[in-house]
N, C-alpha and C. Protein backbone atom coordinates (compact mmCIF):
# COMPACT_ATOMS: atom_id res chain seq x y z
N UNK A 1 17.75 113.27 74.32
CA UNK A 1 18.45 112.56 74.09
C UNK A 1 19.34 112.79 75.96
N UNK A 2 19.81 112.35 76.60
CA UNK A 2 20.22 112.54 77.54
C UNK A 2 21.80 112.09 77.63
N UNK A 3 22.28 111.75 76.77
CA UNK A 3 23.77 111.74 76.76
C UNK A 3 24.04 113.17 76.17
N UNK A 4 23.28 113.95 75.85
CA UNK A 4 23.83 115.57 75.04
C UNK A 4 23.81 116.33 76.13
N UNK A 5 25.07 116.96 76.83
CA UNK A 5 25.05 117.87 77.34
C UNK A 5 25.17 119.69 77.33
N UNK A 6 24.64 120.27 77.38
CA UNK A 6 25.00 121.74 76.40
C UNK A 6 26.04 122.14 77.00
N UNK A 7 27.47 122.87 75.93
CA UNK A 7 28.07 123.02 75.96
C UNK A 7 28.57 124.67 75.61
N UNK A 8 29.18 125.49 76.68
CA UNK A 8 29.40 127.01 76.52
C UNK A 8 30.72 127.10 76.13
N UNK A 9 31.03 128.05 75.33
CA UNK A 9 32.25 128.53 74.53
C UNK A 9 32.24 130.11 74.25
N UNK A 10 32.77 130.86 74.53
CA UNK A 10 33.76 131.73 74.83
C UNK A 10 33.05 132.34 73.06
N UNK A 11 33.56 131.47 72.19
CA UNK A 11 33.06 131.99 70.63
C UNK A 11 33.20 130.68 69.90
N UNK A 12 33.03 130.78 68.34
CA UNK A 12 32.12 129.37 67.98
C UNK A 12 32.88 128.84 67.49
N UNK A 13 34.45 128.97 67.63
CA UNK A 13 35.50 127.87 67.73
C UNK A 13 36.55 128.07 68.61
N UNK A 14 37.42 127.01 68.92
CA UNK A 14 38.40 127.06 70.30
C UNK A 14 39.44 128.43 70.31
N UNK A 15 39.37 128.71 71.45
CA UNK A 15 40.31 129.84 71.38
C UNK A 15 41.47 129.98 70.76
N UNK A 16 41.71 130.83 70.29
CA UNK A 16 43.37 130.66 69.48
C UNK A 16 42.97 130.88 68.18
N UNK A 17 41.52 130.72 67.52
CA UNK A 17 41.43 130.97 66.08
C UNK A 17 41.21 132.30 65.51
N UNK A 18 41.00 133.32 66.52
CA UNK A 18 40.92 134.56 66.17
C UNK A 18 42.13 135.61 66.63
N UNK A 19 42.39 136.54 65.75
CA UNK A 19 43.56 137.42 66.23
C UNK A 19 43.50 138.32 65.31
N UNK A 20 43.68 139.57 66.28
CA UNK A 20 43.88 140.95 65.16
C UNK A 20 44.65 141.15 64.19
N UNK A 21 45.87 140.21 64.58
CA UNK A 21 47.22 140.37 63.67
C UNK A 21 46.80 140.09 62.44
N UNK A 22 45.81 139.43 61.86
CA UNK A 22 45.65 139.26 60.14
C UNK A 22 45.22 140.47 60.06
N UNK A 23 44.41 141.20 60.77
CA UNK A 23 44.03 142.42 60.05
C UNK A 23 45.01 143.61 59.85
N UNK A 24 46.29 143.31 61.42
CA UNK A 24 47.15 144.00 61.09
C UNK A 24 48.14 143.63 59.54
N UNK A 25 48.44 142.76 59.63
CA UNK A 25 49.09 143.00 58.71
C UNK A 25 48.79 142.86 57.13
N UNK A 26 47.64 142.78 56.56
CA UNK A 26 46.81 143.32 55.93
C UNK A 26 47.13 145.00 55.68
N UNK A 27 47.26 145.73 57.40
CA UNK A 27 47.02 146.91 56.99
C UNK A 27 48.12 147.48 56.93
N UNK A 28 49.50 146.68 57.49
CA UNK A 28 50.99 146.91 57.39
C UNK A 28 51.18 147.18 55.86
N UNK A 29 51.07 146.14 55.10
CA UNK A 29 50.89 145.66 54.12
C UNK A 29 50.33 147.34 52.86
N UNK A 30 49.39 148.00 53.48
CA UNK A 30 48.59 148.71 52.86
C UNK A 30 49.73 150.18 53.11
N UNK A 31 50.15 150.38 54.30
CA UNK A 31 50.53 151.70 54.69
C UNK A 31 51.94 151.63 54.17
N UNK A 32 52.83 149.93 54.03
CA UNK A 32 53.72 150.13 53.10
C UNK A 32 53.54 150.58 51.50
N UNK A 33 52.75 150.04 51.20
CA UNK A 33 52.83 150.52 49.71
C UNK A 33 52.11 152.48 49.46
N UNK A 34 51.52 152.30 50.35
CA UNK A 34 51.22 153.94 49.83
C UNK A 34 52.48 154.59 50.50
N UNK A 35 53.22 154.27 51.32
CA UNK A 35 54.25 154.74 52.22
C UNK A 35 55.67 154.65 50.76
N UNK A 36 55.18 153.66 49.55
CA UNK A 36 56.23 153.90 48.23
C UNK A 36 55.46 154.12 47.54
N UNK A 37 54.41 154.37 47.14
CA UNK A 37 54.09 155.12 46.05
C UNK A 37 54.05 155.66 44.77
N UNK A 38 54.94 156.72 46.53
CA UNK A 38 55.75 158.42 45.68
C UNK A 38 56.67 157.98 44.75
N UNK A 39 56.99 156.85 44.86
CA UNK A 39 58.91 156.84 44.80
C UNK A 39 58.29 155.58 43.11
N UNK A 40 56.85 155.52 42.76
CA UNK A 40 57.12 154.80 41.98
C UNK A 40 56.97 155.65 40.33
N UNK A 41 57.60 155.30 39.42
CA UNK A 41 57.85 156.13 38.77
C UNK A 41 56.45 155.84 36.84
N UNK A 42 56.54 154.31 36.92
CA UNK A 42 55.84 153.78 35.61
C UNK A 42 54.34 154.11 36.34
N UNK A 43 53.61 153.63 35.30
CA UNK A 43 52.16 153.91 35.18
C UNK A 43 51.04 152.15 35.99
N UNK A 44 51.76 151.67 35.01
CA UNK A 44 51.71 149.76 35.48
C UNK A 44 52.53 150.17 37.10
N UNK A 45 53.04 150.27 37.46
CA UNK A 45 53.80 149.87 38.82
C UNK A 45 52.97 150.88 39.67
N UNK A 46 52.60 151.94 39.14
CA UNK A 46 51.05 152.44 40.14
C UNK A 46 49.89 151.95 39.82
N UNK A 47 49.28 151.35 39.48
CA UNK A 47 48.34 151.18 38.97
C UNK A 47 48.37 149.75 39.78
N UNK A 48 49.57 148.53 39.88
CA UNK A 48 49.65 147.77 40.15
C UNK A 48 49.48 147.46 42.10
N UNK A 49 50.08 148.67 42.70
CA UNK A 49 50.44 149.03 43.67
C UNK A 49 48.72 149.22 44.04
N UNK A 50 47.96 150.13 43.51
CA UNK A 50 46.60 150.27 43.83
C UNK A 50 45.83 149.26 44.03
N UNK A 51 45.95 148.56 43.01
CA UNK A 51 45.23 147.46 42.89
C UNK A 51 45.77 146.58 44.36
N UNK A 52 47.05 146.46 44.23
CA UNK A 52 46.69 145.25 45.71
C UNK A 52 46.79 145.61 46.74
N UNK A 53 46.96 147.30 46.99
CA UNK A 53 46.58 148.12 48.29
C UNK A 53 45.04 148.13 48.81
N UNK A 54 44.21 148.21 47.26
CA UNK A 54 42.77 147.38 47.46
C UNK A 54 42.37 147.02 47.92
N UNK A 55 43.26 145.64 47.46
CA UNK A 55 42.41 144.15 47.49
C UNK A 55 43.20 143.86 49.17
N UNK A 56 44.43 144.23 49.52
CA UNK A 56 44.65 144.09 51.09
C UNK A 56 43.84 145.06 52.31
N UNK A 57 42.96 145.87 51.60
CA UNK A 57 42.28 146.79 52.39
C UNK A 57 40.91 146.13 52.82
N UNK A 58 40.66 145.64 51.44
CA UNK A 58 39.42 144.70 51.90
C UNK A 58 39.73 143.57 52.62
N UNK A 59 40.50 143.00 52.42
CA UNK A 59 40.65 141.88 53.79
C UNK A 59 40.98 142.47 55.31
N UNK A 60 41.50 143.43 55.32
CA UNK A 60 41.18 144.22 56.72
C UNK A 60 40.20 144.27 57.58
N UNK A 61 39.22 144.35 56.23
CA UNK A 61 37.67 144.89 56.55
C UNK A 61 37.23 143.42 56.79
N UNK A 62 37.37 142.23 56.10
CA UNK A 62 36.98 140.95 56.43
C UNK A 62 37.47 140.48 57.10
N UNK A 63 38.48 140.77 57.64
CA UNK A 63 39.91 140.34 59.41
C UNK A 63 38.71 141.07 60.60
N UNK A 64 38.50 142.18 60.78
CA UNK A 64 38.16 142.64 61.07
C UNK A 64 36.51 142.42 61.90
N UNK A 65 35.96 142.11 60.67
CA UNK A 65 33.85 142.12 60.53
C UNK A 65 34.25 140.41 61.16
N UNK A 66 35.12 139.64 61.00
CA UNK A 66 34.63 138.25 61.81
C UNK A 66 34.98 138.19 63.03
N UNK A 67 36.49 139.20 63.56
CA UNK A 67 36.79 139.35 64.92
C UNK A 67 35.79 139.50 65.67
N UNK A 68 35.18 141.03 65.07
CA UNK A 68 33.86 142.14 65.57
C UNK A 68 32.58 141.41 65.68
N UNK A 69 32.73 139.95 65.01
CA UNK A 69 31.22 139.76 64.86
C UNK A 69 31.36 138.47 65.21
N UNK A 70 32.39 137.39 65.48
CA UNK A 70 32.33 136.34 66.01
C UNK A 70 32.96 135.62 67.01
N UNK A 71 33.96 136.76 67.59
CA UNK A 71 34.74 136.60 69.09
C UNK A 71 34.24 137.80 70.09
N UNK A 72 34.00 138.95 69.72
CA UNK A 72 33.42 139.46 70.52
C UNK A 72 32.32 139.44 71.07
N UNK A 73 31.74 139.27 72.51
CA UNK A 73 30.86 138.93 72.82
C UNK A 73 30.07 140.20 73.73
N UNK A 74 28.53 140.21 73.96
CA UNK A 74 28.48 141.22 74.92
C UNK A 74 29.16 141.56 75.78
N UNK A 75 29.94 140.57 76.89
CA UNK A 75 30.55 140.31 77.85
C UNK A 75 31.59 141.90 77.55
N UNK A 76 32.26 141.61 76.45
CA UNK A 76 33.28 142.50 75.91
C UNK A 76 32.46 144.53 75.97
N UNK A 77 31.05 144.48 75.24
CA UNK A 77 30.99 145.74 74.94
C UNK A 77 30.59 145.94 76.39
N UNK A 78 30.12 145.76 77.32
CA UNK A 78 29.75 145.71 79.17
C UNK A 78 31.27 146.89 79.81
N UNK A 79 32.36 145.89 79.07
CA UNK A 79 33.83 146.44 79.73
C UNK A 79 34.47 147.59 79.03
N UNK A 80 33.94 147.66 77.58
CA UNK A 80 34.58 148.02 76.69
C UNK A 80 33.27 149.02 75.86
N UNK A 81 32.28 149.69 76.17
CA UNK A 81 31.20 150.08 75.85
C UNK A 81 31.46 151.12 74.33
N UNK A 82 32.53 151.35 74.48
CA UNK A 82 32.81 151.96 72.50
C UNK A 82 33.83 151.25 71.56
N UNK A 83 33.60 149.83 71.96
CA UNK A 83 33.46 148.37 70.97
C UNK A 83 33.07 148.36 69.54
N UNK A 84 31.71 148.81 69.88
CA UNK A 84 31.06 148.61 68.35
C UNK A 84 31.41 149.78 67.41
N UNK A 85 31.75 151.37 68.55
CA UNK A 85 31.69 152.24 67.51
C UNK A 85 33.57 152.10 67.11
N UNK A 86 34.89 151.85 67.93
CA UNK A 86 35.87 151.32 67.85
C UNK A 86 36.20 150.21 66.51
N UNK A 87 35.14 149.54 66.34
CA UNK A 87 35.40 148.77 65.02
C UNK A 87 34.37 149.19 63.80
N UNK A 88 33.30 150.11 64.07
CA UNK A 88 33.00 150.82 62.97
C UNK A 88 34.15 152.06 62.24
N UNK A 89 34.42 152.67 63.32
CA UNK A 89 35.73 153.86 62.65
C UNK A 89 36.93 152.71 62.28
N UNK A 90 37.34 151.77 62.51
CA UNK A 90 38.17 151.01 61.93
C UNK A 90 38.09 150.45 60.33
N UNK A 91 36.80 149.50 60.32
CA UNK A 91 36.29 149.57 59.08
C UNK A 91 36.03 150.68 57.83
N UNK A 92 35.70 151.89 58.09
CA UNK A 92 35.46 152.84 57.43
C UNK A 92 36.97 152.97 56.91
N UNK A 93 37.88 153.58 58.22
CA UNK A 93 39.30 153.91 58.02
C UNK A 93 40.05 153.06 56.57
N UNK A 94 39.40 151.40 57.03
CA UNK A 94 40.25 150.46 55.92
C UNK A 94 39.51 150.60 54.40
N UNK A 95 38.84 151.42 54.56
CA UNK A 95 37.51 151.80 53.56
C UNK A 95 38.25 153.39 52.32
N UNK A 96 38.47 153.81 53.55
CA UNK A 96 39.27 155.16 53.43
C UNK A 96 40.96 155.32 53.10
N UNK A 97 41.56 153.99 53.14
CA UNK A 97 43.19 153.49 52.81
C UNK A 97 42.72 152.40 51.21
N UNK A 98 41.89 152.18 51.17
CA UNK A 98 41.28 152.21 49.93
C UNK A 98 41.53 153.10 48.76
N UNK A 99 40.85 154.43 48.57
CA UNK A 99 40.98 155.76 48.36
C UNK A 99 41.67 156.55 48.34
N UNK A 100 42.86 156.41 48.98
CA UNK A 100 44.06 157.17 49.12
C UNK A 100 45.56 156.25 48.62
N UNK A 101 45.98 157.08 48.92
CA UNK A 101 47.79 156.67 48.93
C UNK A 101 48.78 157.26 50.15
N UNK A 102 47.72 158.51 50.56
CA UNK A 102 48.00 158.80 51.80
C UNK A 102 48.93 158.07 52.81
N UNK A 103 50.13 157.88 53.18
CA UNK A 103 50.44 156.78 54.28
C UNK A 103 49.92 157.40 55.68
N UNK A 104 49.74 158.65 55.89
CA UNK A 104 48.89 158.83 56.82
C UNK A 104 47.36 158.47 57.08
N UNK A 105 46.57 158.29 56.23
CA UNK A 105 45.32 157.05 56.14
C UNK A 105 45.80 155.92 56.55
N UNK A 106 47.26 155.14 56.05
CA UNK A 106 46.98 153.61 56.53
C UNK A 106 47.69 153.79 58.02
N UNK A 107 48.32 154.88 58.54
CA UNK A 107 48.65 154.94 59.94
C UNK A 107 47.64 155.26 60.73
N UNK A 108 46.31 155.82 60.12
CA UNK A 108 45.19 155.82 60.80
C UNK A 108 44.60 154.39 61.29
N UNK A 109 44.91 153.75 60.47
CA UNK A 109 44.38 152.03 60.38
C UNK A 109 45.13 151.48 61.11
N UNK A 110 46.56 151.72 61.25
CA UNK A 110 47.06 150.66 62.18
C UNK A 110 47.11 150.85 63.71
N UNK A 111 46.74 152.64 63.93
CA UNK A 111 46.54 153.01 65.01
C UNK A 111 45.21 152.39 65.56
N UNK A 112 43.91 151.92 64.92
CA UNK A 112 42.78 151.53 65.30
C UNK A 112 43.00 150.13 65.27
N UNK A 113 43.78 149.66 64.31
CA UNK A 113 43.61 148.15 64.74
C UNK A 113 44.56 148.08 66.11
N UNK A 114 45.78 148.80 66.82
CA UNK A 114 46.57 148.69 67.70
C UNK A 114 45.08 148.99 69.03
N UNK A 115 44.32 149.73 68.74
CA UNK A 115 43.36 149.58 70.39
C UNK A 115 42.78 148.35 69.84
N UNK A 116 42.08 147.83 69.19
CA UNK A 116 41.51 146.38 68.78
C UNK A 116 41.77 145.63 69.41
N UNK A 117 43.65 145.31 69.20
CA UNK A 117 44.64 144.91 69.92
C UNK A 117 44.37 144.50 71.60
N UNK A 118 44.44 145.40 71.86
CA UNK A 118 44.79 145.91 73.04
C UNK A 118 43.18 145.43 73.66
N UNK A 119 42.14 145.87 73.44
CA UNK A 119 41.06 145.39 73.52
C UNK A 119 40.92 143.66 73.72
N UNK A 120 41.43 143.41 72.96
CA UNK A 120 41.49 141.91 72.38
C UNK A 120 42.38 140.98 73.45
N UNK A 121 43.31 141.69 73.85
CA UNK A 121 44.45 141.18 74.65
C UNK A 121 43.88 141.50 76.07
N UNK A 122 43.11 141.73 76.88
CA UNK A 122 42.66 142.35 77.67
C UNK A 122 42.65 140.69 78.78
N UNK A 123 41.44 139.95 78.28
CA UNK A 123 41.38 138.76 79.01
C UNK A 123 42.43 138.12 79.56
N UNK A 124 43.51 138.12 78.23
CA UNK A 124 44.77 137.49 78.45
C UNK A 124 46.20 138.21 79.66
N UNK A 125 46.22 139.15 79.61
CA UNK A 125 46.82 139.71 80.79
C UNK A 125 46.36 139.29 82.51
N UNK A 126 44.79 139.55 82.06
CA UNK A 126 43.93 138.98 83.75
C UNK A 126 44.76 137.53 84.32
């Protein structure tokens, strides 16, 4: 059909759909729960905190995977050769957050997401 011409886009949806802020918000929630966990006294409150933290950590992993697989392209990898390793470490850290109540583990996750955010924002700075 002659009236159909190829269209090229950076990602599978219009720009502005993807943002590491989604992962960061969930990671902040995990970190806050981990920070407050030691001050919880009832077993029910502790159980609920852990349940919510684990749920949010899974959401972090999901947001990171979508960003990694749908937004970032080979040209990003050429410019940032450690990109795959960074995402691998971040998603593994989200798994570590699921298994811990140590706020330091939550902070490590936030730091990795900050690195991803910096790379994500590079094209916008140019």
